[in-house]
Amino acid sequence: MAIEGIEITHQGSEARGEYRAAVPGSDAVGRLTWFARGDARIADHTLVPPEIGGRGVAAALVDALIADAKSEGFKIVPACSYIAAQFKRHPEWSDLLAESSS
């Protein structure tokens, strides 16, 4: 069940940043953190406090990252297990995956 009225903001620099999700009626904040590597962003953590968990906050954070990747032209390395799982669920995002450095 998704929460209505989630407000996603982004802060950071060229080198690192985070998306924050504010939920109506709660002081808890969900976060998705990333750092830059070349033309890619390494999405390394998705953190959602238990009091706002299970209601679509993490998905909303990933959606914001995906929207920015499409509009700003960067690629994503899903280093976080949740983000990697979302990429598997959304094969239409495959063009946003950064090339593996293995």
PDB file of N, CA and C in Angstrom:
ATOM      1  N   MET A   1       0.840  -1.184   0.000  1.00  0.00           N
ATOM      2  CA  MET A   1       0.000   0.000   0.000  1.00  0.00           C
ATOM      3  C   MET A   1       0.884   1.246   0.000  1.00  0.00           C
ATOM      4  N   ALA A   2       0.743   2.080  -0.980  1.00  0.00           N
ATOM      5  CA  ALA A   2       1.535   3.300  -1.083  1.00  0.00           C
ATOM      6  C   ALA A   2       0.920   4.403  -0.218  1.00  0.00           C
ATOM      7  N   ILE A   3       1.778   5.245   0.287  1.00  0.00           N
ATOM      8  CA  ILE A   3       1.341   6.376   1.101  1.00  0.00           C
ATOM      9  C   ILE A   3       1.055   7.557   0.195  1.00  0.00           C
ATOM     10  N   GLU A   4      -0.079   8.151   0.396  1.00  0.00           N
ATOM     11  CA  GLU A   4      -0.401   9.350  -0.356  1.00  0.00           C
ATOM     12  C   GLU A   4       0.349  10.529   0.258  1.00  0.00           C
ATOM     13  N   GLY A   5       0.878  11.403  -0.579  1.00  0.00           N
ATOM     14  CA  GLY A   5       1.517  12.617  -0.090  1.00  0.00           C
ATOM     15  C   GLY A   5       2.964  12.488   0.320  1.00  0.00           C
ATOM     16  N   ILE A   6       3.644  11.403  -0.066  1.00  0.00           N
ATOM     17  CA  ILE A   6       5.076  11.304   0.226  1.00  0.00           C
ATOM     18  C   ILE A   6       5.779  12.435  -0.508  1.00  0.00           C
ATOM     19  N   GLU A   7       6.626  13.164   0.193  1.00  0.00           N
ATOM     20  CA  GLU A   7       7.390  14.242  -0.426  1.00  0.00           C
ATOM     21  C   GLU A   7       8.851  13.809  -0.528  1.00  0.00           C
ATOM     22  N   ILE A   8       9.347  13.739  -1.761  1.00  0.00           N
ATOM     23  CA  ILE A   8      10.736  13.334  -2.001  1.00  0.00           C
ATOM     24  C   ILE A   8      11.559  14.581  -2.300  1.00  0.00           C
ATOM     25  N   THR A   9      12.666  14.727  -1.590  1.00  0.00           N
ATOM     26  CA  THR A   9      13.607  15.805  -1.867  1.00  0.00           C
ATOM     27  C   THR A   9      14.975  15.185  -2.126  1.00  0.00           C
ATOM     28  N   HIS A  10      15.850  15.956  -2.758  1.00  0.00           N
ATOM     29  CA  HIS A  10      17.197  15.479  -3.064  1.00  0.00           C
ATOM     30  C   HIS A  10      18.187  16.519  -2.574  1.00  0.00           C
ATOM     31  N   GLN A  11      19.253  16.054  -1.965  1.00  0.00           N
ATOM     32  CA  GLN A  11      20.321  16.963  -1.571  1.00  0.00           C
ATOM     33  C   GLN A  11      21.648  16.286  -1.806  1.00  0.00           C
ATOM     34  N   GLY A  12      22.672  17.096  -2.012  1.00  0.00           N
ATOM     35  CA  GLY A  12      23.986  16.537  -2.227  1.00  0.00           C
ATOM     36  C   GLY A  12      24.811  17.394  -3.158  1.00  0.00           C
ATOM     37  N   SER A  13      25.847  16.771  -3.671  1.00  0.00           N
ATOM     38  CA  SER A  13      26.788  17.441  -4.554  1.00  0.00           C
ATOM     39  C   SER A  13      26.994  16.567  -5.781  1.00  0.00           C
ATOM     40  N   GLU A  14      27.957  16.913  -6.596  1.00  0.00           N
ATOM     41  CA  GLU A  14      28.293  16.086  -7.766  1.00  0.00           C
ATOM     42  C   GLU A  14      28.852  14.728  -7.330  1.00  0.00           C
ATOM     43  N   ALA A  15      29.459  14.678  -6.135  1.00  0.00           N
ATOM     44  CA  ALA A  15      30.147  13.471  -5.681  1.00  0.00           C
ATOM     45  C   ALA A  15      29.262  12.496  -4.912  1.00  0.00           C
ATOM     46  N   ARG A  16      28.282  13.016  -4.167  1.00  0.00           N
ATOM     47  CA  ARG A  16      27.417  12.151  -3.369  1.00  0.00           C
ATOM     48  C   ARG A  16      26.150  12.884  -2.991  1.00  0.00           C
ATOM     49  N   GLY A  17      25.148  12.104  -2.663  1.00  0.00           N
ATOM     50  CA  GLY A  17      23.889  12.727  -2.281  1.00  0.00           C
ATOM     51  C   GLY A  17      22.910  11.727  -1.727  1.00  0.00           C
ATOM     52  N   GLU A  18      21.714  12.233  -1.456  1.00  0.00           N
ATOM     53  CA  GLU A  18      20.670  11.353  -0.983  1.00  0.00           C
ATOM     54  C   GLU A  18      19.301  11.910  -1.330  1.00  0.00           C
ATOM     55  N   TYR A  19      18.390  10.979  -1.491  1.00  0.00           N
ATOM     56  CA  TYR A  19      16.978  11.303  -1.655  1.00  0.00           C
ATOM     57  C   TYR A  19      16.346  11.084  -0.289  1.00  0.00           C
ATOM     58  N   ARG A  20      15.424  11.975   0.095  1.00  0.00           N
ATOM     59  CA  ARG A  20      14.745  11.858   1.380  1.00  0.00           C
ATOM     60  C   ARG A  20      13.249  11.826   1.150  1.00  0.00           C
ATOM     61  N   ALA A  21      12.590  10.957   1.878  1.00  0.00           N
ATOM     62  CA  ALA A  21      11.133  10.833   1.790  1.00  0.00           C
ATOM     63  C   ALA A  21      10.514  11.252   3.107  1.00  0.00           C
ATOM     64  N   ALA A  22       9.708  12.302   3.051  1.00  0.00           N
ATOM     65  CA  ALA A  22       8.941  12.748   4.212  1.00  0.00           C
ATOM     66  C   ALA A  22       7.513  12.247   4.046  1.00  0.00           C
ATOM     67  N   VAL A  23       6.981  11.718   5.128  1.00  0.00           N
ATOM     68  CA  VAL A  23       5.650  11.124   5.116  1.00  0.00           C
ATOM     69  C   VAL A  23       4.728  11.955   6.003  1.00  0.00           C
ATOM     70  N   PRO A  24       3.537  12.281   5.514  1.00  0.00           N
ATOM     71  CA  PRO A  24       2.604  13.052   6.338  1.00  0.00           C
ATOM     72  C   PRO A  24       2.323  12.368   7.677  1.00  0.00           C
ATOM     73  N   GLY A  25       2.348  13.148   8.738  1.00  0.00           N
ATOM     74  CA  GLY A  25       2.032  12.626  10.060  1.00  0.00           C
ATOM     75  C   GLY A  25       3.166  11.921  10.776  1.00  0.00           C
ATOM     76  N   SER A  26       4.378  11.961  10.221  1.00  0.00           N
ATOM     77  CA  SER A  26       5.519  11.294  10.859  1.00  0.00           C
ATOM     78  C   SER A  26       6.768  12.160  10.739  1.00  0.00           C
ATOM     79  N   ASP A  27       7.584  12.112  11.772  1.00  0.00           N
ATOM     80  CA  ASP A  27       8.878  12.797  11.722  1.00  0.00           C
ATOM     81  C   ASP A  27       9.954  11.898  11.124  1.00  0.00           C
ATOM     82  N   ALA A  28       9.654  10.617  10.941  1.00  0.00           N
ATOM     83  CA  ALA A  28      10.614   9.675  10.366  1.00  0.00           C
ATOM     84  C   ALA A  28      10.865  10.022   8.899  1.00  0.00           C
ATOM     85  N   VAL A  29      12.096   9.790   8.452  1.00  0.00           N
ATOM     86  CA  VAL A  29      12.492  10.113   7.081  1.00  0.00           C
ATOM     87  C   VAL A  29      13.140   8.889   6.444  1.00  0.00           C
ATOM     88  N   GLY A  30      12.657   8.521   5.263  1.00  0.00           N
ATOM     89  CA  GLY A  30      13.292   7.471   4.483  1.00  0.00           C
ATOM     90  C   GLY A  30      14.409   8.077   3.657  1.00  0.00           C
ATOM     91  N   ARG A  31      15.470   7.292   3.391  1.00  0.00           N
ATOM     92  CA  ARG A  31      16.621   7.812   2.648  1.00  0.00           C
ATOM     93  C   ARG A  31      17.135   6.799   1.645  1.00  0.00           C
ATOM     94  N   LEU A  32      17.597   7.308   0.517  1.00  0.00           N
ATOM     95  CA  LEU A  32      18.322   6.515  -0.476  1.00  0.00           C
ATOM     96  C   LEU A  32      19.611   7.283  -0.725  1.00  0.00           C
ATOM     97  N   THR A  33      20.759   6.661  -0.439  1.00  0.00           N
ATOM     98  CA  THR A  33      22.040   7.351  -0.594  1.00  0.00           C
ATOM     99  C   THR A  33      22.784   6.834  -1.814  1.00  0.00           C
ATOM    100  N   TRP A  34      23.610   7.711  -2.382  1.00  0.00           N
ATOM    101  CA  TRP A  34      24.398   7.354  -3.564  1.00  0.00           C
ATOM    102  C   TRP A  34      25.715   8.128  -3.559  1.00  0.00           C
ATOM    103  N   PHE A  35      26.671   7.617  -4.323  1.00  0.00           N
ATOM    104  CA  PHE A  35      27.912   8.357  -4.590  1.00  0.00           C
ATOM    105  C   PHE A  35      28.275   8.158  -6.053  1.00  0.00           C
ATOM    106  N   ALA A  36      29.005   9.116  -6.590  1.00  0.00           N
ATOM    107  CA  ALA A  36      29.336   9.102  -8.015  1.00  0.00           C
ATOM    108  C   ALA A  36      30.585   8.269  -8.281  1.00  0.00           C
ATOM    109  N   ARG A  37      30.568   7.618  -9.435  1.00  0.00           N
ATOM    110  CA  ARG A  37      31.745   6.937  -9.978  1.00  0.00           C
ATOM    111  C   ARG A  37      31.683   7.156 -11.482  1.00  0.00           C
ATOM    112  N   GLY A  38      32.499   8.067 -11.977  1.00  0.00           N
ATOM    113  CA  GLY A  38      32.455   8.403 -13.398  1.00  0.00           C
ATOM    114  C   GLY A  38      31.100   8.995 -13.747  1.00  0.00           C
ATOM    115  N   ASP A  39      30.465   8.447 -14.782  1.00  0.00           N
ATOM    116  CA  ASP A  39      29.151   8.926 -15.207  1.00  0.00           C
ATOM    117  C   ASP A  39      28.010   8.167 -14.536  1.00  0.00           C
ATOM    118  N   ALA A  40      28.339   7.369 -13.525  1.00  0.00           N
ATOM    119  CA  ALA A  40      27.315   6.557 -12.859  1.00  0.00           C
ATOM    120  C   ALA A  40      27.140   6.995 -11.411  1.00  0.00           C
ATOM    121  N   ARG A  41      25.997   6.636 -10.874  1.00  0.00           N
ATOM    122  CA  ARG A  41      25.738   6.820  -9.447  1.00  0.00           C
ATOM    123  C   ARG A  41      25.599   5.433  -8.829  1.00  0.00           C
ATOM    124  N   ILE A  42      26.393   5.211  -7.790  1.00  0.00           N
ATOM    125  CA  ILE A  42      26.333   3.957  -7.046  1.00  0.00           C
ATOM    126  C   ILE A  42      25.267   4.153  -5.969  1.00  0.00           C
ATOM    127  N   ALA A  43      24.138   3.506  -6.125  1.00  0.00           N
ATOM    128  CA  ALA A  43      23.050   3.598  -5.148  1.00  0.00           C
ATOM    129  C   ALA A  43      23.322   2.551  -4.076  1.00  0.00           C
ATOM    130  N   ASP A  44      23.826   3.011  -2.922  1.00  0.00           N
ATOM    131  CA  ASP A  44      24.363   2.059  -1.943  1.00  0.00           C
ATOM    132  C   ASP A  44      23.464   1.722  -0.757  1.00  0.00           C
ATOM    133  N   HIS A  45      22.501   2.557  -0.426  1.00  0.00           N
ATOM    134  CA  HIS A  45      21.639   2.252   0.724  1.00  0.00           C
ATOM    135  C   HIS A  45      20.238   2.802   0.526  1.00  0.00           C
ATOM    136  N   THR A  46      19.263   2.007   0.914  1.00  0.00           N
ATOM    137  CA  THR A  46      17.888   2.467   1.039  1.00  0.00           C
ATOM    138  C   THR A  46      17.500   2.186   2.481  1.00  0.00           C
ATOM    139  N   LEU A  47      17.185   3.247   3.203  1.00  0.00           N
ATOM    140  CA  LEU A  47      16.903   3.121   4.635  1.00  0.00           C
ATOM    141  C   LEU A  47      15.518   3.687   4.925  1.00  0.00           C
ATOM    142  N   VAL A  48      14.634   2.855   5.440  1.00  0.00           N
ATOM    143  CA  VAL A  48      13.286   3.290   5.785  1.00  0.00           C
ATOM    144  C   VAL A  48      13.016   2.877   7.231  1.00  0.00           C
ATOM    145  N   PRO A  49      12.801   3.853   8.121  1.00  0.00           N
ATOM    146  CA  PRO A  49      12.508   3.513   9.521  1.00  0.00           C
ATOM    147  C   PRO A  49      11.248   2.650   9.637  1.00  0.00           C
ATOM    148  N   PRO A  50      11.221   1.745  10.607  1.00  0.00           N
ATOM    149  CA  PRO A  50      10.089   0.829  10.763  1.00  0.00           C
ATOM    150  C   PRO A  50       8.728   1.529  10.850  1.00  0.00           C
ATOM    151  N   GLU A  51       8.680   2.699  11.476  1.00  0.00           N
ATOM    152  CA  GLU A  51       7.388   3.358  11.660  1.00  0.00           C
ATOM    153  C   GLU A  51       6.751   3.840  10.351  1.00  0.00           C
ATOM    154  N   ILE A  52       7.539   3.916   9.276  1.00  0.00           N
ATOM    155  CA  ILE A  52       6.963   4.280   7.968  1.00  0.00           C
ATOM    156  C   ILE A  52       7.198   3.186   6.930  1.00  0.00           C
ATOM    157  N   GLY A  53       7.659   2.034   7.382  1.00  0.00           N
ATOM    158  CA  GLY A  53       7.965   0.923   6.478  1.00  0.00           C
ATOM    159  C   GLY A  53       6.723   0.204   5.983  1.00  0.00           C
ATOM    160  N   GLY A  54       6.884  -0.524   4.885  1.00  0.00           N
ATOM    161  CA  GLY A  54       5.817  -1.344   4.349  1.00  0.00           C
ATOM    162  C   GLY A  54       4.710  -0.596   3.643  1.00  0.00           C
ATOM    163  N   ARG A  55       4.965   0.674   3.317  1.00  0.00           N
ATOM    164  CA  ARG A  55       3.906   1.490   2.708  1.00  0.00           C
ATOM    165  C   ARG A  55       4.356   2.192   1.429  1.00  0.00           C
ATOM    166  N   GLY A  56       5.406   1.689   0.805  1.00  0.00           N
ATOM    167  CA  GLY A  56       5.820   2.239  -0.483  1.00  0.00           C
ATOM    168  C   GLY A  56       6.869   3.329  -0.444  1.00  0.00           C
ATOM    169  N   VAL A  57       7.438   3.593   0.728  1.00  0.00           N
ATOM    170  CA  VAL A  57       8.435   4.666   0.836  1.00  0.00           C
ATOM    171  C   VAL A  57       9.695   4.331   0.044  1.00  0.00           C
ATOM    172  N   ALA A  58      10.225   3.122   0.210  1.00  0.00           N
ATOM    173  CA  ALA A  58      11.444   2.730  -0.508  1.00  0.00           C
ATOM    174  C   ALA A  58      11.219   2.770  -2.018  1.00  0.00           C
ATOM    175  N   ALA A  59      10.066   2.292  -2.462  1.00  0.00           N
ATOM    176  CA  ALA A  59       9.757   2.315  -3.901  1.00  0.00           C
ATOM    177  C   ALA A  59       9.687   3.745  -4.422  1.00  0.00           C
ATOM    178  N   ALA A  60       9.117   4.651  -3.635  1.00  0.00           N
ATOM    179  CA  ALA A  60       9.040   6.059  -4.050  1.00  0.00           C
ATOM    180  C   ALA A  60      10.438   6.667  -4.166  1.00  0.00           C
ATOM    181  N   LEU A  61      11.341   6.288  -3.271  1.00  0.00           N
ATOM    182  CA  LEU A  61      12.719   6.779  -3.340  1.00  0.00           C
ATOM    183  C   LEU A  61      13.405   6.279  -4.615  1.00  0.00           C
ATOM    184  N   VAL A  62      13.240   4.999  -4.918  1.00  0.00           N
ATOM    185  CA  VAL A  62      13.842   4.442  -6.131  1.00  0.00           C
ATOM    186  C   VAL A  62      13.233   5.101  -7.371  1.00  0.00           C
ATOM    187  N   ASP A  63      11.924   5.312  -7.365  1.00  0.00           N
ATOM    188  CA  ASP A  63      11.275   5.981  -8.500  1.00  0.00           C
ATOM    189  C   ASP A  63      11.876   7.368  -8.742  1.00  0.00           C
ATOM    190  N   ALA A  64      12.196   8.091  -7.666  1.00  0.00           N
ATOM    191  CA  ALA A  64      12.804   9.421  -7.812  1.00  0.00           C
ATOM    192  C   ALA A  64      14.192   9.307  -8.437  1.00  0.00           C
ATOM    193  N   LEU A  65      14.974   8.322  -8.006  1.00  0.00           N
ATOM    194  CA  LEU A  65      16.298   8.089  -8.587  1.00  0.00           C
ATOM    195  C   LEU A  65      16.178   7.759 -10.072  1.00  0.00           C
ATOM    196  N   ILE A  66      15.248   6.891 -10.422  1.00  0.00           N
ATOM    197  CA  ILE A  66      15.035   6.490 -11.821  1.00  0.00           C
ATOM    198  C   ILE A  66      14.628   7.699 -12.660  1.00  0.00           C
ATOM    199  N   ALA A  67      13.713   8.503 -12.152  1.00  0.00           N
ATOM    200  CA  ALA A  67      13.266   9.695 -12.887  1.00  0.00           C
ATOM    201  C   ALA A  67      14.434  10.641 -13.147  1.00  0.00           C
ATOM    202  N   ASP A  68      15.295  10.834 -12.143  1.00  0.00           N
ATOM    203  CA  ASP A  68      16.457  11.711 -12.329  1.00  0.00           C
ATOM    204  C   ASP A  68      17.448  11.109 -13.322  1.00  0.00           C
ATOM    205  N   ALA A  69      17.648   9.801 -13.270  1.00  0.00           N
ATOM    206  CA  ALA A  69      18.566   9.158 -14.221  1.00  0.00           C
ATOM    207  C   ALA A  69      18.077   9.382 -15.650  1.00  0.00           C
ATOM    208  N   LYS A  70      16.779   9.269 -15.854  1.00  0.00           N
ATOM    209  CA  LYS A  70      16.214   9.489 -17.191  1.00  0.00           C
ATOM    210  C   LYS A  70      16.357  10.941 -17.627  1.00  0.00           C
ATOM    211  N   SER A  71      16.088  11.876 -16.730  1.00  0.00           N
ATOM    212  CA  SER A  71      16.122  13.292 -17.126  1.00  0.00           C
ATOM    213  C   SER A  71      17.529  13.879 -17.169  1.00  0.00           C
ATOM    214  N   GLU A  72      18.430  13.361 -16.326  1.00  0.00           N
ATOM    215  CA  GLU A  72      19.785  13.917 -16.253  1.00  0.00           C
ATOM    216  C   GLU A  72      20.813  13.093 -17.024  1.00  0.00           C
ATOM    217  N   GLY A  73      20.452  11.880 -17.439  1.00  0.00           N
ATOM    218  CA  GLY A  73      21.325  11.083 -18.289  1.00  0.00           C
ATOM    219  C   GLY A  73      22.420  10.294 -17.602  1.00  0.00           C
ATOM    220  N   PHE A  74      22.287  10.010 -16.304  1.00  0.00           N
ATOM    221  CA  PHE A  74      23.316   9.189 -15.654  1.00  0.00           C
ATOM    222  C   PHE A  74      22.860   7.731 -15.584  1.00  0.00           C
ATOM    223  N   LYS A  75      23.810   6.849 -15.350  1.00  0.00           N
ATOM    224  CA  LYS A  75      23.545   5.418 -15.182  1.00  0.00           C
ATOM    225  C   LYS A  75      23.583   5.092 -13.692  1.00  0.00           C
ATOM    226  N   ILE A  76      23.060   3.921 -13.342  1.00  0.00           N
ATOM    227  CA  ILE A  76      22.945   3.525 -11.941  1.00  0.00           C
ATOM    228  C   ILE A  76      23.615   2.174 -11.726  1.00  0.00           C
ATOM    229  N   VAL A  77      24.348   2.061 -10.625  1.00  0.00           N
ATOM    230  CA  VAL A  77      24.869   0.784 -10.141  1.00  0.00           C
ATOM    231  C   VAL A  77      24.073   0.467  -8.879  1.00  0.00           C
ATOM    232  N   PRO A  78      23.221  -0.555  -8.913  1.00  0.00           N
ATOM    233  CA  PRO A  78      22.403  -0.882  -7.745  1.00  0.00           C
ATOM    234  C   PRO A  78      23.181  -1.702  -6.718  1.00  0.00           C
ATOM    235  N   ALA A  79      23.953  -1.029  -5.846  1.00  0.00           N
ATOM    236  CA  ALA A  79      24.758  -1.709  -4.836  1.00  0.00           C
ATOM    237  C   ALA A  79      23.920  -2.125  -3.623  1.00  0.00           C
ATOM    238  N   CYS A  80      22.730  -1.587  -3.503  1.00  0.00           N
ATOM    239  CA  CYS A  80      21.794  -1.923  -2.427  1.00  0.00           C
ATOM    240  C   CYS A  80      20.904  -3.078  -2.898  1.00  0.00           C
ATOM    241  N   SER A  81      20.668  -4.058  -2.046  1.00  0.00           N
ATOM    242  CA  SER A  81      19.882  -5.228  -2.443  1.00  0.00           C
ATOM    243  C   SER A  81      18.446  -4.857  -2.826  1.00  0.00           C
ATOM    244  N   TYR A  82      17.860  -3.883  -2.168  1.00  0.00           N
ATOM    245  CA  TYR A  82      16.488  -3.480  -2.511  1.00  0.00           C
ATOM    246  C   TYR A  82      16.455  -2.868  -3.915  1.00  0.00           C
ATOM    247  N   ILE A  83      17.408  -1.996  -4.207  1.00  0.00           N
ATOM    248  CA  ILE A  83      17.448  -1.359  -5.529  1.00  0.00           C
ATOM    249  C   ILE A  83      17.731  -2.401  -6.605  1.00  0.00           C
ATOM    250  N   ALA A  84      18.620  -3.350  -6.334  1.00  0.00           N
ATOM    251  CA  ALA A  84      18.892  -4.431  -7.292  1.00  0.00           C
ATOM    252  C   ALA A  84      17.619  -5.234  -7.559  1.00  0.00           C
ATOM    253  N   ALA A  85      16.839  -5.515  -6.513  1.00  0.00           N
ATOM    254  CA  ALA A  85      15.588  -6.254  -6.684  1.00  0.00           C
ATOM    255  C   ALA A  85      14.589  -5.453  -7.517  1.00  0.00           C
ATOM    256  N   GLN A  86      14.552  -4.147  -7.324  1.00  0.00           N
ATOM    257  CA  GLN A  86      13.650  -3.308  -8.110  1.00  0.00           C
ATOM    258  C   GLN A  86      14.042  -3.327  -9.592  1.00  0.00           C
ATOM    259  N   PHE A  87      15.341  -3.326  -9.876  1.00  0.00           N
ATOM    260  CA  PHE A  87      15.781  -3.412 -11.269  1.00  0.00           C
ATOM    261  C   PHE A  87      15.347  -4.744 -11.890  1.00  0.00           C
ATOM    262  N   LYS A  88      15.374  -5.839 -11.123  1.00  0.00           N
ATOM    263  CA  LYS A  88      14.925  -7.136 -11.641  1.00  0.00           C
ATOM    264  C   LYS A  88      13.425  -7.124 -11.914  1.00  0.00           C
ATOM    265  N   ARG A  89      12.668  -6.395 -11.091  1.00  0.00           N
ATOM    266  CA  ARG A  89      11.216  -6.297 -11.279  1.00  0.00           C
ATOM    267  C   ARG A  89      10.837  -5.383 -12.434  1.00  0.00           C
ATOM    268  N   HIS A  90      11.761  -4.520 -12.823  1.00  0.00           N
ATOM    269  CA  HIS A  90      11.477  -3.525 -13.872  1.00  0.00           C
ATOM    270  C   HIS A  90      12.491  -3.630 -15.009  1.00  0.00           C
ATOM    271  N   PRO A  91      12.349  -4.639 -15.866  1.00  0.00           N
ATOM    272  CA  PRO A  91      13.308  -4.793 -16.971  1.00  0.00           C
ATOM    273  C   PRO A  91      13.335  -3.582 -17.899  1.00  0.00           C
ATOM    274  N   GLU A  92      12.284  -2.779 -17.899  1.00  0.00           N
ATOM    275  CA  GLU A  92      12.267  -1.563 -18.727  1.00  0.00           C
ATOM    276  C   GLU A  92      13.295  -0.532 -18.260  1.00  0.00           C
ATOM    277  N   TRP A  93      13.882  -0.725 -17.103  1.00  0.00           N
ATOM    278  CA  TRP A  93      14.934   0.170 -16.605  1.00  0.00           C
ATOM    279  C   TRP A  93      16.332  -0.282 -17.025  1.00  0.00           C
ATOM    280  N   SER A  94      16.460  -1.383 -17.754  1.00  0.00           N
ATOM    281  CA  SER A  94      17.774  -1.963 -18.044  1.00  0.00           C
ATOM    282  C   SER A  94      18.723  -0.990 -18.739  1.00  0.00           C
ATOM    283  N   ASP A  95      18.186  -0.046 -19.511  1.00  0.00           N
ATOM    284  CA  ASP A  95      19.049   0.935 -20.171  1.00  0.00           C
ATOM    285  C   ASP A  95      19.672   1.920 -19.196  1.00  0.00           C
ATOM    286  N   LEU A  96      19.215   1.927 -17.959  1.00  0.00           N
ATOM    287  CA  LEU A  96      19.776   2.826 -16.932  1.00  0.00           C
ATOM    288  C   LEU A  96      20.863   2.166 -16.107  1.00  0.00           C
ATOM    289  N   LEU A  97      21.087   0.876 -16.312  1.00  0.00           N
ATOM    290  CA  LEU A  97      22.133   0.167 -15.567  1.00  0.00           C
ATOM    291  C   LEU A  97      23.515   0.529 -16.111  1.00  0.00           C
ATOM    292  N   ALA A  98      24.426   0.810 -15.199  1.00  0.00           N
ATOM    293  CA  ALA A  98      25.814   1.087 -15.600  1.00  0.00           C
ATOM    294  C   ALA A  98      26.468  -0.221 -15.996  1.00  0.00           C
ATOM    295  N   GLU A  99      27.436  -0.143 -16.888  1.00  0.00           N
ATOM    296  CA  GLU A  99      28.200  -1.324 -17.298  1.00  0.00           C
ATOM    297  C   GLU A  99      28.940  -1.866 -16.083  1.00  0.00           C
ATOM    298  N   SER A 100      28.990  -3.168 -15.976  1.00  0.00           N
ATOM    299  CA  SER A 100      29.709  -3.815 -14.876  1.00  0.00           C
ATOM    300  C   SER A 100      31.210  -3.613 -15.076  1.00  0.00           C
ATOM    301  N   SER A 101      31.912  -3.378 -13.966  1.00  0.00           N
ATOM    302  CA  SER A 101      33.368  -3.184 -14.058  1.00  0.00           C
ATOM    303  C   SER A 101      34.121  -4.468 -13.745  1.00  0.00           C
ATOM    304  N   SER A 102      33.459  -5.616 -13.836  1.00  0.00           N
ATOM    305  CA  SER A 102      34.116  -6.889 -13.509  1.00  0.00           C
ATOM    306  C   SER A 102      34.978  -7.398 -14.640  1.00  0.00           C
TER     307      SER A 102
END
